[in-house]
Amino acid sequence: MIIAETERLILREMSAEDAEQAYLLNLDPEVIKYTGDEPFKTIEEARTFLENYTSYKKYGFGRWAVEDKNNNTFLGWCGLKYIEEENQHDIGFRFFKKHWGKGYATEAALACLSLGFETFKLPHIIGRAAKANTGSVNVLKKTGMSYLKDDECHGDEAVIYIIYKPEK
């Protein structure tokens, strides 16, 4: 199901059919370097994860597949996540390394923030990144998020950025 379209991208719900791409994305140590995630051991493990991913049903949103609008190439994912223990809504993104530096993360993140505020009526959204992950920190800044505080993320020094629902 298509969730949003931008100038270059389609954001859609992920499904078990994305298992191979999810597996390959998490296989790259540089892609998951700051995430705290382990790579999937097999494509089947990725498929099981996706089959049991409940965020869309539970909250109406989640991490969405990001595709190139011209050729439907799976570029990575971007989306919102509700962190129950913190009562926070977080934006996250992960793209294949060959697609880094092309503005896809920023473009997808802007679409997700818009959905978060307009469709899901969230009052604010945070973004968390390791300080050393300058690419992700730059994406958070480019989306208009403001520095909130230092934090720790998976044992690394991290920063939290925040953006509030725009007033109309």
C-alpha atoms as a PDB file:
ATOM      1  CA  MET A   1       0.000   0.000   0.000  1.00  0.00           C
ATOM      2  CA  ILE A   2       1.438   3.380  -1.046  1.00  0.00           C
ATOM      3  CA  ILE A   3       1.643   5.787   1.874  1.00  0.00           C
ATOM      4  CA  ALA A   4       3.193   8.845   0.221  1.00  0.00           C
ATOM      5  CA  GLU A   5       4.897  10.066  -2.910  1.00  0.00           C
ATOM      6  CA  THR A   6       7.523  12.750  -3.268  1.00  0.00           C
ATOM      7  CA  GLU A   7       9.188  14.150  -6.351  1.00  0.00           C
ATOM      8  CA  ARG A   8      11.470  11.109  -6.649  1.00  0.00           C
ATOM      9  CA  LEU A   9      10.197   8.563  -4.146  1.00  0.00           C
ATOM     10  CA  ILE A  10       7.363   6.250  -3.209  1.00  0.00           C
ATOM     11  CA  LEU A  11       6.875   5.326   0.448  1.00  0.00           C
ATOM     12  CA  ARG A  12       4.872   2.168   1.009  1.00  0.00           C
ATOM     13  CA  GLU A  13       4.209  -0.420   3.661  1.00  0.00           C
ATOM     14  CA  MET A  14       6.830  -3.130   3.849  1.00  0.00           C
ATOM     15  CA  SER A  15       5.741  -6.735   3.500  1.00  0.00           C
ATOM     16  CA  ALA A  16       7.249 -10.209   3.599  1.00  0.00           C
ATOM     17  CA  GLU A  17       8.009  -9.726  -0.105  1.00  0.00           C
ATOM     18  CA  ASP A  18      10.695  -7.218   0.964  1.00  0.00           C
ATOM     19  CA  ALA A  19      12.561  -9.865   2.968  1.00  0.00           C
ATOM     20  CA  GLU A  20      15.515 -10.194   0.600  1.00  0.00           C
ATOM     21  CA  GLN A  21      16.017  -6.430   0.416  1.00  0.00           C
ATOM     22  CA  ALA A  22      15.713  -6.074   4.217  1.00  0.00           C
ATOM     23  CA  TYR A  23      18.226  -8.893   4.648  1.00  0.00           C
ATOM     24  CA  LEU A  24      20.698  -7.311   2.217  1.00  0.00           C
ATOM     25  CA  LEU A  25      20.266  -3.841   3.737  1.00  0.00           C
ATOM     26  CA  ASN A  26      21.104  -5.066   7.245  1.00  0.00           C
ATOM     27  CA  LEU A  27      23.950  -7.227   5.949  1.00  0.00           C
ATOM     28  CA  ASP A  28      26.170  -4.180   5.348  1.00  0.00           C
ATOM     29  CA  PRO A  29      28.114  -3.432   8.565  1.00  0.00           C
ATOM     30  CA  GLU A  30      28.403   0.266   7.636  1.00  0.00           C
ATOM     31  CA  VAL A  31      24.633   0.582   7.216  1.00  0.00           C
ATOM     32  CA  ILE A  32      23.890  -0.814  10.681  1.00  0.00           C
ATOM     33  CA  LYS A  33      27.045   0.505  12.380  1.00  0.00           C
ATOM     34  CA  TYR A  34      25.220   2.908  14.721  1.00  0.00           C
ATOM     35  CA  THR A  35      21.863   1.141  15.001  1.00  0.00           C
ATOM     36  CA  GLY A  36      22.504  -1.493  17.630  1.00  0.00           C
ATOM     37  CA  ASP A  37      20.826  -3.990  15.287  1.00  0.00           C
ATOM     38  CA  GLU A  38      22.319  -7.328  14.356  1.00  0.00           C
ATOM     39  CA  PRO A  39      22.104  -8.374  10.710  1.00  0.00           C
ATOM     40  CA  PHE A  40      19.426 -10.891   9.855  1.00  0.00           C
ATOM     41  CA  LYS A  41      21.003 -14.348   9.715  1.00  0.00           C
ATOM     42  CA  THR A  42      18.928 -15.396   6.705  1.00  0.00           C
ATOM     43  CA  ILE A  43      16.345 -14.063   4.298  1.00  0.00           C
ATOM     44  CA  GLU A  44      13.824 -16.249   6.137  1.00  0.00           C
ATOM     45  CA  GLU A  45      14.629 -14.459   9.409  1.00  0.00           C
ATOM     46  CA  ALA A  46      13.989 -11.123   7.673  1.00  0.00           C
ATOM     47  CA  ARG A  47      10.717 -12.511   6.270  1.00  0.00           C
ATOM     48  CA  THR A  48       9.600 -13.633   9.740  1.00  0.00           C
ATOM     49  CA  PHE A  49      10.429 -10.191  11.145  1.00  0.00           C
ATOM     50  CA  LEU A  50       8.374  -8.487   8.436  1.00  0.00           C
ATOM     51  CA  GLU A  51       5.470 -10.932   8.807  1.00  0.00           C
ATOM     52  CA  ASN A  52       5.341 -10.122  12.522  1.00  0.00           C
ATOM     53  CA  TYR A  53       5.804  -6.352  12.177  1.00  0.00           C
ATOM     54  CA  THR A  54       2.696  -4.933  13.859  1.00  0.00           C
ATOM     55  CA  SER A  55       3.302  -1.181  13.907  1.00  0.00           C
ATOM     56  CA  TYR A  56       1.053  -0.423  10.903  1.00  0.00           C
ATOM     57  CA  LYS A  57      -1.933  -2.135  12.530  1.00  0.00           C
ATOM     58  CA  LYS A  58      -1.177  -0.969  16.059  1.00  0.00           C
ATOM     59  CA  TYR A  59      -0.374   2.706  15.380  1.00  0.00           C
ATOM     60  CA  GLY A  60      -1.258   3.330  11.739  1.00  0.00           C
ATOM     61  CA  PHE A  61       2.365   4.085  10.870  1.00  0.00           C
ATOM     62  CA  GLY A  62       5.781   2.476  10.966  1.00  0.00           C
ATOM     63  CA  ARG A  63       8.966   2.152   8.999  1.00  0.00           C
ATOM     64  CA  TRP A  64       8.025   2.322   5.312  1.00  0.00           C
ATOM     65  CA  ALA A  65       9.868   1.003   2.273  1.00  0.00           C
ATOM     66  CA  VAL A  66      11.340   3.753   0.113  1.00  0.00           C
ATOM     67  CA  GLU A  67      11.456   3.137  -3.629  1.00  0.00           C
ATOM     68  CA  ASP A  68      12.735   5.120  -6.576  1.00  0.00           C
ATOM     69  CA  LYS A  69       9.622   6.382  -8.346  1.00  0.00           C
ATOM     70  CA  ASN A  70      11.161   5.891 -11.812  1.00  0.00           C
ATOM     71  CA  ASN A  71      12.109   2.230 -11.558  1.00  0.00           C
ATOM     72  CA  ASN A  72      10.664   0.914  -8.250  1.00  0.00           C
ATOM     73  CA  THR A  73      14.152   0.131  -6.920  1.00  0.00           C
ATOM     74  CA  PHE A  74      14.116  -0.508  -3.158  1.00  0.00           C
ATOM     75  CA  LEU A  75      16.418   2.169  -1.725  1.00  0.00           C
ATOM     76  CA  GLY A  76      15.887   1.519   1.975  1.00  0.00           C
ATOM     77  CA  TRP A  77      13.302   2.521   4.557  1.00  0.00           C
ATOM     78  CA  CYS A  78      12.153   5.578   6.432  1.00  0.00           C
ATOM     79  CA  GLY A  79       9.341   6.142   8.847  1.00  0.00           C
ATOM     80  CA  LEU A  80       7.921   6.742  12.254  1.00  0.00           C
ATOM     81  CA  LYS A  81       8.128   4.579  15.360  1.00  0.00           C
ATOM     82  CA  TYR A  82       6.293   4.899  18.639  1.00  0.00           C
ATOM     83  CA  ILE A  83       8.617   4.233  21.570  1.00  0.00           C
ATOM     84  CA  GLU A  84       6.202   3.209  24.318  1.00  0.00           C
ATOM     85  CA  GLU A  85       8.625   3.350  27.251  1.00  0.00           C
ATOM     86  CA  GLU A  86       9.470   6.972  26.421  1.00  0.00           C
ATOM     87  CA  ASN A  87       6.062   7.972  25.036  1.00  0.00           C
ATOM     88  CA  GLN A  88       7.908   9.439  22.053  1.00  0.00           C
ATOM     89  CA  HIS A  89       7.475   9.282  18.293  1.00  0.00           C
ATOM     90  CA  ASP A  90      10.769   8.812  16.500  1.00  0.00           C
ATOM     91  CA  ILE A  91      11.783   9.231  12.878  1.00  0.00           C
ATOM     92  CA  GLY A  92      14.287   6.770  11.489  1.00  0.00           C
ATOM     93  CA  PHE A  93      15.810   5.899   8.149  1.00  0.00           C
ATOM     94  CA  ARG A  94      18.170   3.361   6.659  1.00  0.00           C
ATOM     95  CA  PHE A  95      19.355   3.254   3.059  1.00  0.00           C
ATOM     96  CA  PHE A  96      21.678   1.099   1.006  1.00  0.00           C
ATOM     97  CA  LYS A  97      25.131   2.700   1.023  1.00  0.00           C
ATOM     98  CA  LYS A  98      25.112   3.161  -2.762  1.00  0.00           C
ATOM     99  CA  HIS A  99      22.191   5.584  -2.278  1.00  0.00           C
ATOM    100  CA  TRP A 100      23.825   7.722   0.426  1.00  0.00           C
ATOM    101  CA  GLY A 101      24.500  11.367  -0.358  1.00  0.00           C
ATOM    102  CA  LYS A 102      21.699  11.709  -2.917  1.00  0.00           C
ATOM    103  CA  GLY A 103      19.157  13.412  -0.660  1.00  0.00           C
ATOM    104  CA  TYR A 104      16.828  10.408  -0.483  1.00  0.00           C
ATOM    105  CA  ALA A 105      16.875  10.223   3.337  1.00  0.00           C
ATOM    106  CA  THR A 106      16.042  13.915   3.674  1.00  0.00           C
ATOM    107  CA  GLU A 107      13.298  13.737   1.045  1.00  0.00           C
ATOM    108  CA  ALA A 108      11.738  10.651   2.630  1.00  0.00           C
ATOM    109  CA  ALA A 109      12.088  12.039   6.164  1.00  0.00           C
ATOM    110  CA  LEU A 110      10.332  15.279   5.198  1.00  0.00           C
ATOM    111  CA  ALA A 111       7.429  13.230   3.803  1.00  0.00           C
ATOM    112  CA  CYS A 112       7.280  11.177   7.009  1.00  0.00           C
ATOM    113  CA  LEU A 113       7.318  14.269   9.225  1.00  0.00           C
ATOM    114  CA  SER A 114       4.486  15.734   7.189  1.00  0.00           C
ATOM    115  CA  LEU A 115       2.489  12.516   7.591  1.00  0.00           C
ATOM    116  CA  GLY A 116       3.243  12.473  11.300  1.00  0.00           C
ATOM    117  CA  PHE A 117       1.860  15.959  11.807  1.00  0.00           C
ATOM    118  CA  GLU A 118      -0.957  16.090   9.254  1.00  0.00           C
ATOM    119  CA  THR A 119      -2.272  12.525   9.172  1.00  0.00           C
ATOM    120  CA  PHE A 120      -1.382  11.178  12.605  1.00  0.00           C
ATOM    121  CA  LYS A 121      -1.697  14.512  14.476  1.00  0.00           C
ATOM    122  CA  LEU A 122       1.518  14.011  16.442  1.00  0.00           C
ATOM    123  CA  PRO A 123       2.489  17.037  18.552  1.00  0.00           C
ATOM    124  CA  HIS A 124       6.234  16.520  18.009  1.00  0.00           C
ATOM    125  CA  ILE A 125       8.684  13.988  16.599  1.00  0.00           C
ATOM    126  CA  ILE A 126      12.210  13.213  17.737  1.00  0.00           C
ATOM    127  CA  GLY A 127      15.211  11.920  15.859  1.00  0.00           C
ATOM    128  CA  ARG A 128      18.078  10.115  17.568  1.00  0.00           C
ATOM    129  CA  ALA A 129      21.528   9.541  16.088  1.00  0.00           C
ATOM    130  CA  ALA A 130      25.010   8.671  17.239  1.00  0.00           C
ATOM    131  CA  LYS A 131      27.164  11.816  17.305  1.00  0.00           C
ATOM    132  CA  ALA A 132      29.686  10.072  15.053  1.00  0.00           C
ATOM    133  CA  ASN A 133      26.959   9.372  12.491  1.00  0.00           C
ATOM    134  CA  THR A 134      27.280  12.775  10.850  1.00  0.00           C
ATOM    135  CA  GLY A 135      25.231  11.754   7.813  1.00  0.00           C
ATOM    136  CA  SER A 136      22.167  10.995   9.931  1.00  0.00           C
ATOM    137  CA  VAL A 137      22.681  14.068  12.114  1.00  0.00           C
ATOM    138  CA  ASN A 138      22.796  16.196   8.957  1.00  0.00           C
ATOM    139  CA  VAL A 139      19.541  14.656   7.709  1.00  0.00           C
ATOM    140  CA  LEU A 140      17.850  15.547  11.008  1.00  0.00           C
ATOM    141  CA  LYS A 141      19.089  19.142  10.689  1.00  0.00           C
ATOM    142  CA  LYS A 142      18.025  19.415   7.032  1.00  0.00           C
ATOM    143  CA  THR A 143      14.469  18.405   7.945  1.00  0.00           C
ATOM    144  CA  GLY A 144      14.201  21.392  10.274  1.00  0.00           C
ATOM    145  CA  MET A 145      14.708  19.493  13.498  1.00  0.00           C
ATOM    146  CA  SER A 146      16.421  21.304  16.384  1.00  0.00           C
ATOM    147  CA  TYR A 147      18.956  19.956  18.838  1.00  0.00           C
ATOM    148  CA  LEU A 148      17.262  18.886  22.067  1.00  0.00           C
ATOM    149  CA  LYS A 149      19.922  17.129  24.144  1.00  0.00           C
ATOM    150  CA  ASP A 150      22.824  14.723  24.307  1.00  0.00           C
ATOM    151  CA  ASP A 151      21.970  11.096  24.945  1.00  0.00           C
ATOM    152  CA  GLU A 152      23.336   7.600  24.650  1.00  0.00           C
ATOM    153  CA  CYS A 153      22.302   5.209  21.913  1.00  0.00           C
ATOM    154  CA  HIS A 154      23.490   1.593  21.919  1.00  0.00           C
ATOM    155  CA  GLY A 155      26.565   2.550  23.931  1.00  0.00           C
ATOM    156  CA  ASP A 156      27.533   5.460  21.676  1.00  0.00           C
ATOM    157  CA  GLU A 157      27.371   9.158  22.448  1.00  0.00           C
ATOM    158  CA  ALA A 158      24.243  10.364  20.720  1.00  0.00           C
ATOM    159  CA  VAL A 159      22.097  13.423  20.153  1.00  0.00           C
ATOM    160  CA  ILE A 160      18.362  13.871  20.102  1.00  0.00           C
ATOM    161  CA  TYR A 161      16.716  16.360  17.779  1.00  0.00           C
ATOM    162  CA  ILE A 162      13.078  17.429  17.881  1.00  0.00           C
ATOM    163  CA  ILE A 163      10.526  19.122  15.670  1.00  0.00           C
ATOM    164  CA  TYR A 164       7.117  20.377  16.761  1.00  0.00           C
ATOM    165  CA  LYS A 165       3.927  20.321  14.751  1.00  0.00           C
ATOM    166  CA  PRO A 166       3.829  23.571  12.780  1.00  0.00           C
ATOM    167  CA  GLU A 167       1.181  26.036  13.866  1.00  0.00           C
ATOM    168  CA  LYS A 168      -1.239  27.022  11.141  1.00  0.00           C
END
